[in-house]
Amino acid sequence: MNDVQQLADNLADRLNRSIEIDDCSLRPLALTEQYGDLDDVRVQAILRRHSTPEVFDHAFSLDIAHATGPVRYPPDSALKTLARVCIPLRAHGELQGYLWLIDSPPLTDSDITVAVETATDIADLLHHYAQATANAIEREAQTVSAVLTLPTHVEPSIDLVREQPLLSFAESLTVISTRLHLGQDAAEPLHHRAVRSAAYEVGYARPLGHSLLGHTEDTIQLIAGSDIHPDRLRPFRHALAKAAERRGWVLYGTGIGGAASD
């Protein structure tokens, strides 16, 4: 993400105001040096690295997920927020995230034009990163599927083991499997593509380098080393619960298998 940070820093210098780049879930990807006015929401974004439910609701109250151009937010006294401009980051027809600018003092039309140009470049970069991440997670999902669907008397192929050191079984492994179910007011149907999208979304929260992430049409699975402290798995479970909640899905069962050694 260094290229995204550099573009954000350059834009902040040109406009003399701070810039925040968020992913589609309002999780900060890049934050610049703080110029000028600052409010509680920006401070909390820096400290928490995620948005509170109140800020999340406020941000999506103007339907930025479907906007195709800059969206202006007035100040909100209840949340103690300054005026803002949000520029949705779109590339190849897909939403990649959001660029936020504090609109105090008010941005000029030329300022917004410059910001939109930078937003286009950032969206292209995020699309590239997303494709690379999706490919990596899909390879992981294929590996997890192969391992978990093999008959008990068949060992994983040597190629699988070589590609994933975790599957050398030098240490015991734990499988966490979470079943998904449609809620009464589901905003998104439950099918392979939708579950795959949710798996991509929560991939950042797992213990990177010490786990493998997989999915089926209604299940998200995680293979992790048994030596991983439960606290390191808590962010993954929280992120998965939030991703399901936003789609109107219900986590209808989470099973943690005993440690496996083969």
C-alpha atoms as a PDB file:
ATOM      1  CA  MET A   1       0.000   0.000   0.000  1.00  0.00           C
ATOM      2  CA  ASN A   2       3.036   2.321  -0.149  1.00  0.00           C
ATOM      3  CA  ASP A   3       1.932   3.659  -3.558  1.00  0.00           C
ATOM      4  CA  VAL A   4      -1.518   4.516  -2.184  1.00  0.00           C
ATOM      5  CA  GLN A   5       0.057   6.291   0.795  1.00  0.00           C
ATOM      6  CA  GLN A   6       2.333   8.271  -1.513  1.00  0.00           C
ATOM      7  CA  LEU A   7      -0.571   9.446  -3.671  1.00  0.00           C
ATOM      8  CA  ALA A   8      -2.520  10.427  -0.555  1.00  0.00           C
ATOM      9  CA  ASP A   9       0.488  12.342   0.831  1.00  0.00           C
ATOM     10  CA  ASN A  10       0.978  14.184  -2.464  1.00  0.00           C
ATOM     11  CA  LEU A  11      -2.685  15.197  -2.562  1.00  0.00           C
ATOM     12  CA  ALA A  12      -2.549  16.361   1.069  1.00  0.00           C
ATOM     13  CA  ASP A  13       0.443  18.567   0.231  1.00  0.00           C
ATOM     14  CA  ARG A  14      -1.302  20.063  -2.797  1.00  0.00           C
ATOM     15  CA  LEU A  15      -4.541  20.820  -0.970  1.00  0.00           C
ATOM     16  CA  ASN A  16      -2.968  21.565   2.411  1.00  0.00           C
ATOM     17  CA  ARG A  17      -5.433  19.336   4.249  1.00  0.00           C
ATOM     18  CA  SER A  18      -5.452  15.801   5.611  1.00  0.00           C
ATOM     19  CA  ILE A  19      -6.570  12.833   3.514  1.00  0.00           C
ATOM     20  CA  GLU A  20      -8.014   9.485   4.591  1.00  0.00           C
ATOM     21  CA  ILE A  21      -8.329   6.481   2.296  1.00  0.00           C
ATOM     22  CA  ASP A  22     -10.760   3.780   3.487  1.00  0.00           C
ATOM     23  CA  ASP A  23     -11.696   0.394   2.125  1.00  0.00           C
ATOM     24  CA  CYS A  24     -15.339  -0.438   1.389  1.00  0.00           C
ATOM     25  CA  SER A  25     -15.897  -1.257   5.065  1.00  0.00           C
ATOM     26  CA  LEU A  26     -14.533   2.137   6.194  1.00  0.00           C
ATOM     27  CA  ARG A  27     -11.332   0.580   7.508  1.00  0.00           C
ATOM     28  CA  PRO A  28      -8.460   3.081   7.002  1.00  0.00           C
ATOM     29  CA  LEU A  29      -5.915   2.082   4.373  1.00  0.00           C
ATOM     30  CA  ALA A  30      -3.912   5.311   4.344  1.00  0.00           C
ATOM     31  CA  LEU A  31      -3.851   8.411   6.559  1.00  0.00           C
ATOM     32  CA  THR A  32      -1.789  11.498   5.893  1.00  0.00           C
ATOM     33  CA  GLU A  33      -0.166  14.044   8.145  1.00  0.00           C
ATOM     34  CA  GLN A  34      -2.861  16.144   9.803  1.00  0.00           C
ATOM     35  CA  TYR A  35      -3.307  19.604   8.282  1.00  0.00           C
ATOM     36  CA  GLY A  36      -5.671  22.259   9.567  1.00  0.00           C
ATOM     37  CA  ASP A  37      -8.913  21.413  11.338  1.00  0.00           C
ATOM     38  CA  LEU A  38      -9.373  18.025  12.957  1.00  0.00           C
ATOM     39  CA  ASP A  39     -12.397  16.352  14.559  1.00  0.00           C
ATOM     40  CA  ASP A  40     -13.114  13.415  16.868  1.00  0.00           C
ATOM     41  CA  VAL A  41     -13.990  11.041  14.037  1.00  0.00           C
ATOM     42  CA  ARG A  42     -10.606  11.473  12.359  1.00  0.00           C
ATOM     43  CA  VAL A  43      -8.795  11.015  15.675  1.00  0.00           C
ATOM     44  CA  GLN A  44     -10.742   7.826  16.390  1.00  0.00           C
ATOM     45  CA  ALA A  45     -10.044   6.514  12.889  1.00  0.00           C
ATOM     46  CA  ILE A  46      -6.331   6.927  13.577  1.00  0.00           C
ATOM     47  CA  LEU A  47      -6.494   5.275  17.005  1.00  0.00           C
ATOM     48  CA  ARG A  48      -9.082   2.531  16.410  1.00  0.00           C
ATOM     49  CA  ARG A  49      -8.305   1.689  12.767  1.00  0.00           C
ATOM     50  CA  HIS A  50     -12.025   1.167  12.176  1.00  0.00           C
ATOM     51  CA  SER A  51     -15.273   3.150  12.271  1.00  0.00           C
ATOM     52  CA  THR A  52     -17.779   2.992  15.125  1.00  0.00           C
ATOM     53  CA  PRO A  53     -21.339   1.849  14.267  1.00  0.00           C
ATOM     54  CA  GLU A  54     -22.567   5.463  14.615  1.00  0.00           C
ATOM     55  CA  VAL A  55     -19.959   6.768  12.174  1.00  0.00           C
ATOM     56  CA  PHE A  56     -20.632   3.856   9.825  1.00  0.00           C
ATOM     57  CA  ASP A  57     -24.358   4.685   9.737  1.00  0.00           C
ATOM     58  CA  HIS A  58     -23.629   8.391   9.244  1.00  0.00           C
ATOM     59  CA  ALA A  59     -21.205   7.715   6.397  1.00  0.00           C
ATOM     60  CA  PHE A  60     -23.652   5.508   4.498  1.00  0.00           C
ATOM     61  CA  SER A  61     -26.661   7.745   5.168  1.00  0.00           C
ATOM     62  CA  LEU A  62     -25.969   9.483   1.827  1.00  0.00           C
ATOM     63  CA  ASP A  63     -25.591   6.182  -0.081  1.00  0.00           C
ATOM     64  CA  ILE A  64     -21.944   6.647  -0.995  1.00  0.00           C
ATOM     65  CA  ALA A  65     -21.779   2.945  -1.903  1.00  0.00           C
ATOM     66  CA  HIS A  66     -23.711   3.786  -5.092  1.00  0.00           C
ATOM     67  CA  ALA A  67     -22.433   7.320  -5.720  1.00  0.00           C
ATOM     68  CA  THR A  68     -20.422   7.969  -8.866  1.00  0.00           C
ATOM     69  CA  GLY A  69     -19.013  11.355  -7.874  1.00  0.00           C
ATOM     70  CA  PRO A  70     -18.040  13.463  -4.853  1.00  0.00           C
ATOM     71  CA  VAL A  71     -20.547  13.567  -1.987  1.00  0.00           C
ATOM     72  CA  ARG A  72     -20.618  16.483   0.477  1.00  0.00           C
ATOM     73  CA  TYR A  73     -21.460  15.940   4.144  1.00  0.00           C
ATOM     74  CA  PRO A  74     -22.505  18.828   6.384  1.00  0.00           C
ATOM     75  CA  PRO A  75     -21.059  18.990   9.911  1.00  0.00           C
ATOM     76  CA  ASP A  76     -22.810  16.783  12.472  1.00  0.00           C
ATOM     77  CA  SER A  77     -22.979  18.168  15.997  1.00  0.00           C
ATOM     78  CA  ALA A  78     -24.053  14.848  17.547  1.00  0.00           C
ATOM     79  CA  LEU A  79     -20.984  13.053  16.196  1.00  0.00           C
ATOM     80  CA  LYS A  80     -18.813  16.173  16.519  1.00  0.00           C
ATOM     81  CA  THR A  81     -17.769  15.932  12.877  1.00  0.00           C
ATOM     82  CA  LEU A  82     -16.616  18.696  10.585  1.00  0.00           C
ATOM     83  CA  ALA A  83     -17.961  19.010   7.041  1.00  0.00           C
ATOM     84  CA  ARG A  84     -16.506  16.409   4.690  1.00  0.00           C
ATOM     85  CA  VAL A  85     -16.253  15.459   1.049  1.00  0.00           C
ATOM     86  CA  CYS A  86     -16.256  11.776   0.154  1.00  0.00           C
ATOM     87  CA  ILE A  87     -15.040  10.584  -3.259  1.00  0.00           C
ATOM     88  CA  PRO A  88     -15.954   6.949  -4.017  1.00  0.00           C
ATOM     89  CA  LEU A  89     -12.982   5.064  -5.466  1.00  0.00           C
ATOM     90  CA  ARG A  90     -14.188   3.173  -8.518  1.00  0.00           C
ATOM     91  CA  ALA A  91     -12.152   1.212 -11.052  1.00  0.00           C
ATOM     92  CA  HIS A  92     -13.278  -1.211 -13.761  1.00  0.00           C
ATOM     93  CA  GLY A  93     -16.871  -0.771 -12.656  1.00  0.00           C
ATOM     94  CA  GLU A  94     -16.199  -1.853  -9.079  1.00  0.00           C
ATOM     95  CA  LEU A  95     -16.104   0.102  -5.828  1.00  0.00           C
ATOM     96  CA  GLN A  96     -12.637  -0.085  -4.222  1.00  0.00           C
ATOM     97  CA  GLY A  97     -13.117   2.248  -1.248  1.00  0.00           C
ATOM     98  CA  TYR A  98     -13.447   5.935  -0.369  1.00  0.00           C
ATOM     99  CA  LEU A  99     -11.285   9.056  -0.271  1.00  0.00           C
ATOM    100  CA  TRP A 100     -12.240  11.483   2.506  1.00  0.00           C
ATOM    101  CA  LEU A 101     -11.323  15.158   2.831  1.00  0.00           C
ATOM    102  CA  ILE A 102     -12.274  17.476   5.687  1.00  0.00           C
ATOM    103  CA  ASP A 103     -14.203  20.315   4.039  1.00  0.00           C
ATOM    104  CA  SER A 104     -13.003  23.030   6.432  1.00  0.00           C
ATOM    105  CA  PRO A 105     -12.155  25.519   5.057  1.00  0.00           C
ATOM    106  CA  PRO A 106     -14.461  24.660   2.138  1.00  0.00           C
ATOM    107  CA  LEU A 107     -12.866  22.969  -0.857  1.00  0.00           C
ATOM    108  CA  THR A 108     -13.025  24.841  -4.150  1.00  0.00           C
ATOM    109  CA  ASP A 109     -14.182  23.268  -7.412  1.00  0.00           C
ATOM    110  CA  SER A 110     -10.564  23.106  -8.583  1.00  0.00           C
ATOM    111  CA  ASP A 111      -9.568  21.395  -5.328  1.00  0.00           C
ATOM    112  CA  ILE A 112     -12.211  18.731  -5.874  1.00  0.00           C
ATOM    113  CA  THR A 113     -11.129  18.262  -9.494  1.00  0.00           C
ATOM    114  CA  VAL A 114      -7.558  17.583  -8.332  1.00  0.00           C
ATOM    115  CA  ALA A 115      -8.857  15.206  -5.659  1.00  0.00           C
ATOM    116  CA  VAL A 116     -10.986  13.289  -8.201  1.00  0.00           C
ATOM    117  CA  GLU A 117      -7.954  12.861 -10.473  1.00  0.00           C
ATOM    118  CA  THR A 118      -5.933  11.418  -7.592  1.00  0.00           C
ATOM    119  CA  ALA A 119      -8.891   9.264  -6.560  1.00  0.00           C
ATOM    120  CA  THR A 120      -8.908   7.684 -10.032  1.00  0.00           C
ATOM    121  CA  ASP A 121      -5.236   6.740  -9.702  1.00  0.00           C
ATOM    122  CA  ILE A 122      -5.764   5.340  -6.196  1.00  0.00           C
ATOM    123  CA  ALA A 123      -8.790   3.317  -7.342  1.00  0.00           C
ATOM    124  CA  ASP A 124      -6.704   1.717 -10.107  1.00  0.00           C
ATOM    125  CA  LEU A 125      -4.038   0.747  -7.584  1.00  0.00           C
ATOM    126  CA  LEU A 126      -6.594  -0.685  -5.148  1.00  0.00           C
ATOM    127  CA  HIS A 127      -8.153  -2.688  -7.977  1.00  0.00           C
ATOM    128  CA  HIS A 128      -4.746  -4.174  -8.766  1.00  0.00           C
ATOM    129  CA  TYR A 129      -4.149  -5.035  -5.107  1.00  0.00           C
ATOM    130  CA  ALA A 130      -7.641  -6.507  -4.801  1.00  0.00           C
ATOM    131  CA  GLN A 131      -7.086  -8.753  -7.804  1.00  0.00           C
ATOM    132  CA  ALA A 132      -3.794 -10.009  -6.395  1.00  0.00           C
ATOM    133  CA  THR A 133      -5.375 -10.623  -2.976  1.00  0.00           C
ATOM    134  CA  ALA A 134      -8.383 -12.363  -4.520  1.00  0.00           C
ATOM    135  CA  ASN A 135      -6.141 -14.679  -6.523  1.00  0.00           C
ATOM    136  CA  ALA A 136      -4.095 -15.548  -3.438  1.00  0.00           C
ATOM    137  CA  ILE A 137      -7.168 -16.228  -1.289  1.00  0.00           C
ATOM    138  CA  GLU A 138      -8.778 -18.280  -4.048  1.00  0.00           C
ATOM    139  CA  ARG A 139      -5.671 -20.488  -4.222  1.00  0.00           C
ATOM    140  CA  GLU A 140      -5.906 -20.876  -0.455  1.00  0.00           C
ATOM    141  CA  ALA A 141      -9.602 -21.754  -0.712  1.00  0.00           C
ATOM    142  CA  GLN A 142      -8.841 -24.469  -3.258  1.00  0.00           C
ATOM    143  CA  THR A 143      -6.175 -25.877  -0.941  1.00  0.00           C
ATOM    144  CA  VAL A 144      -8.494 -25.840   2.085  1.00  0.00           C
ATOM    145  CA  SER A 145     -11.247 -27.504   0.060  1.00  0.00           C
ATOM    146  CA  ALA A 146      -8.877 -30.213  -1.138  1.00  0.00           C
ATOM    147  CA  VAL A 147      -7.646 -30.938   2.380  1.00  0.00           C
ATOM    148  CA  LEU A 148     -11.056 -30.931   4.081  1.00  0.00           C
ATOM    149  CA  THR A 149     -12.826 -33.016   1.437  1.00  0.00           C
ATOM    150  CA  LEU A 150     -10.158 -35.713   1.079  1.00  0.00           C
ATOM    151  CA  PRO A 151     -11.128 -39.164   2.344  1.00  0.00           C
ATOM    152  CA  THR A 152      -9.390 -39.899   5.642  1.00  0.00           C
ATOM    153  CA  HIS A 153      -7.224 -42.614   4.081  1.00  0.00           C
ATOM    154  CA  VAL A 154      -5.836 -40.316   1.355  1.00  0.00           C
ATOM    155  CA  GLU A 155      -2.931 -38.012   2.138  1.00  0.00           C
ATOM    156  CA  PRO A 156      -2.673 -34.536   0.559  1.00  0.00           C
ATOM    157  CA  SER A 157      -0.465 -34.460  -2.519  1.00  0.00           C
ATOM    158  CA  ILE A 158       3.180 -33.539  -2.076  1.00  0.00           C
ATOM    159  CA  ASP A 159       2.581 -30.419  -4.217  1.00  0.00           C
ATOM    160  CA  LEU A 160      -0.054 -29.187  -1.761  1.00  0.00           C
ATOM    161  CA  VAL A 161       2.352 -29.614   1.126  1.00  0.00           C
ATOM    162  CA  ARG A 162       5.166 -27.868  -0.722  1.00  0.00           C
ATOM    163  CA  GLU A 163       2.979 -24.887  -1.568  1.00  0.00           C
ATOM    164  CA  GLN A 164       1.678 -24.488   1.991  1.00  0.00           C
ATOM    165  CA  PRO A 165       4.264 -25.041   4.732  1.00  0.00           C
ATOM    166  CA  LEU A 166       1.440 -25.047   7.282  1.00  0.00           C
ATOM    167  CA  LEU A 167       0.324 -28.386   5.798  1.00  0.00           C
ATOM    168  CA  SER A 168       3.613 -30.099   6.510  1.00  0.00           C
ATOM    169  CA  PHE A 169       1.954 -30.958   9.863  1.00  0.00           C
ATOM    170  CA  ALA A 170       5.116 -30.122  11.754  1.00  0.00           C
ATOM    171  CA  GLU A 171       2.642 -28.790  14.316  1.00  0.00           C
ATOM    172  CA  SER A 172      -0.965 -29.683  15.085  1.00  0.00           C
ATOM    173  CA  LEU A 173      -3.692 -27.706  13.343  1.00  0.00           C
ATOM    174  CA  THR A 174      -7.162 -26.529  14.310  1.00  0.00           C
ATOM    175  CA  VAL A 175     -10.043 -26.107  11.858  1.00  0.00           C
ATOM    176  CA  ILE A 176     -12.659 -23.434  12.556  1.00  0.00           C
ATOM    177  CA  SER A 177     -15.778 -23.794  10.407  1.00  0.00           C
ATOM    178  CA  THR A 178     -18.586 -21.208  10.459  1.00  0.00           C
ATOM    179  CA  ARG A 179     -21.922 -21.977   8.805  1.00  0.00           C
ATOM    180  CA  LEU A 180     -23.896 -19.074   7.296  1.00  0.00           C
ATOM    181  CA  HIS A 181     -27.671 -18.785   7.048  1.00  0.00           C
ATOM    182  CA  LEU A 182     -29.973 -16.220   5.412  1.00  0.00           C
ATOM    183  CA  GLY A 183     -31.561 -13.815   7.866  1.00  0.00           C
ATOM    184  CA  GLN A 184     -35.141 -12.582   7.544  1.00  0.00           C
ATOM    185  CA  ASP A 185     -34.041  -9.307   5.927  1.00  0.00           C
ATOM    186  CA  ALA A 186     -31.047 -10.554   3.951  1.00  0.00           C
ATOM    187  CA  ALA A 187     -29.556  -7.830   1.760  1.00  0.00           C
ATOM    188  CA  GLU A 188     -27.543 -10.306  -0.326  1.00  0.00           C
ATOM    189  CA  PRO A 189     -28.332 -13.891  -1.375  1.00  0.00           C
ATOM    190  CA  LEU A 190     -26.231 -16.729  -0.026  1.00  0.00           C
ATOM    191  CA  HIS A 191     -24.241 -18.327  -2.830  1.00  0.00           C
ATOM    192  CA  HIS A 192     -20.641 -19.169  -3.703  1.00  0.00           C
ATOM    193  CA  ARG A 193     -19.728 -15.770  -5.125  1.00  0.00           C
ATOM    194  CA  ALA A 194     -21.231 -13.843  -2.203  1.00  0.00           C
ATOM    195  CA  VAL A 195     -19.518 -16.047   0.392  1.00  0.00           C
ATOM    196  CA  ARG A 196     -16.238 -15.724  -1.509  1.00  0.00           C
ATOM    197  CA  SER A 197     -16.618 -11.927  -1.365  1.00  0.00           C
ATOM    198  CA  ALA A 198     -17.160 -12.098   2.408  1.00  0.00           C
ATOM    199  CA  ALA A 199     -14.076 -14.310   2.760  1.00  0.00           C
ATOM    200  CA  TYR A 200     -11.984 -11.736   0.862  1.00  0.00           C
ATOM    201  CA  GLU A 201     -13.341  -8.997   3.095  1.00  0.00           C
ATOM    202  CA  VAL A 202     -12.332 -10.687   6.360  1.00  0.00           C
ATOM    203  CA  GLY A 203      -9.036 -12.149   5.167  1.00  0.00           C
ATOM    204  CA  TYR A 204      -7.036  -9.284   6.679  1.00  0.00           C
ATOM    205  CA  ALA A 205      -8.206 -10.204  10.215  1.00  0.00           C
ATOM    206  CA  ARG A 206      -6.818 -13.739  10.333  1.00  0.00           C
ATOM    207  CA  PRO A 207      -3.339 -14.628  11.599  1.00  0.00           C
ATOM    208  CA  LEU A 208      -1.432 -13.975   8.373  1.00  0.00           C
ATOM    209  CA  GLY A 209       1.233 -16.545   7.607  1.00  0.00           C
ATOM    210  CA  HIS A 210      -0.203 -18.929  10.214  1.00  0.00           C
ATOM    211  CA  SER A 211      -3.565 -19.813   8.696  1.00  0.00           C
ATOM    212  CA  LEU A 212      -5.368 -20.850   5.530  1.00  0.00           C
ATOM    213  CA  LEU A 213      -8.773 -19.407   4.606  1.00  0.00           C
ATOM    214  CA  GLY A 214     -11.399 -21.375   2.712  1.00  0.00           C
ATOM    215  CA  HIS A 215     -15.087 -21.216   1.819  1.00  0.00           C
ATOM    216  CA  THR A 216     -17.958 -23.196   0.351  1.00  0.00           C
ATOM    217  CA  GLU A 217     -21.419 -22.009  -0.720  1.00  0.00           C
ATOM    218  CA  ASP A 218     -22.510 -21.502   2.892  1.00  0.00           C
ATOM    219  CA  THR A 219     -19.429 -21.937   5.066  1.00  0.00           C
ATOM    220  CA  ILE A 220     -16.223 -20.056   5.823  1.00  0.00           C
ATOM    221  CA  GLN A 221     -13.355 -22.149   7.138  1.00  0.00           C
ATOM    222  CA  LEU A 222     -10.035 -21.334   8.748  1.00  0.00           C
ATOM    223  CA  ILE A 223      -7.155 -23.765   9.263  1.00  0.00           C
ATOM    224  CA  ALA A 224      -4.763 -22.407  11.865  1.00  0.00           C
ATOM    225  CA  GLY A 225      -1.880 -23.587  13.963  1.00  0.00           C
ATOM    226  CA  SER A 226      -3.024 -24.920  17.330  1.00  0.00           C
ATOM    227  CA  ASP A 227      -0.313 -22.907  19.048  1.00  0.00           C
ATOM    228  CA  ILE A 228      -2.040 -19.644  18.078  1.00  0.00           C
ATOM    229  CA  HIS A 229      -3.472 -17.911  21.126  1.00  0.00           C
ATOM    230  CA  PRO A 230      -7.299 -17.573  21.010  1.00  0.00           C
ATOM    231  CA  ASP A 231      -6.925 -13.782  21.228  1.00  0.00           C
ATOM    232  CA  ARG A 232      -5.361 -13.793  17.752  1.00  0.00           C
ATOM    233  CA  LEU A 233      -8.477 -15.451  16.345  1.00  0.00           C
ATOM    234  CA  ARG A 234     -10.890 -13.009  17.971  1.00  0.00           C
ATOM    235  CA  PRO A 235     -10.443 -10.242  15.311  1.00  0.00           C
ATOM    236  CA  PHE A 236     -11.231 -12.760  12.574  1.00  0.00           C
ATOM    237  CA  ARG A 237     -14.442 -13.881  14.261  1.00  0.00           C
ATOM    238  CA  HIS A 238     -15.461 -10.266  14.904  1.00  0.00           C
ATOM    239  CA  ALA A 239     -14.783  -9.268  11.273  1.00  0.00           C
ATOM    240  CA  LEU A 240     -16.741 -12.291  10.021  1.00  0.00           C
ATOM    241  CA  ALA A 241     -19.701 -11.443  12.266  1.00  0.00           C
ATOM    242  CA  LYS A 242     -19.729  -7.854  10.967  1.00  0.00           C
ATOM    243  CA  ALA A 243     -19.426  -8.951   7.320  1.00  0.00           C
ATOM    244  CA  ALA A 244     -22.365 -11.338   7.782  1.00  0.00           C
ATOM    245  CA  GLU A 245     -24.431  -8.716   9.605  1.00  0.00           C
ATOM    246  CA  ARG A 246     -23.997  -6.192   6.781  1.00  0.00           C
ATOM    247  CA  ARG A 247     -25.295  -8.767   4.302  1.00  0.00           C
ATOM    248  CA  GLY A 248     -28.211  -9.833   6.482  1.00  0.00           C
ATOM    249  CA  TRP A 249     -26.728 -13.266   7.144  1.00  0.00           C
ATOM    250  CA  VAL A 250     -26.759 -15.166  10.412  1.00  0.00           C
ATOM    251  CA  LEU A 251     -23.811 -17.145  11.772  1.00  0.00           C
ATOM    252  CA  TYR A 252     -25.752 -20.197  12.677  1.00  0.00           C
ATOM    253  CA  GLY A 253     -22.986 -22.306  14.058  1.00  0.00           C
ATOM    254  CA  THR A 254     -19.272 -22.184  14.637  1.00  0.00           C
ATOM    255  CA  GLY A 255     -17.464 -25.450  15.214  1.00  0.00           C
ATOM    256  CA  ILE A 256     -13.876 -25.754  16.388  1.00  0.00           C
ATOM    257  CA  GLY A 257     -12.415 -29.176  15.734  1.00  0.00           C
ATOM    258  CA  GLY A 258      -9.869 -30.860  17.914  1.00  0.00           C
ATOM    259  CA  ALA A 259      -6.212 -30.504  17.047  1.00  0.00           C
ATOM    260  CA  ALA A 260      -5.244 -32.494  13.957  1.00  0.00           C
ATOM    261  CA  SER A 261      -1.775 -33.928  13.453  1.00  0.00           C
ATOM    262  CA  ASP A 262      -2.209 -35.543  10.020  1.00  0.00           C
END
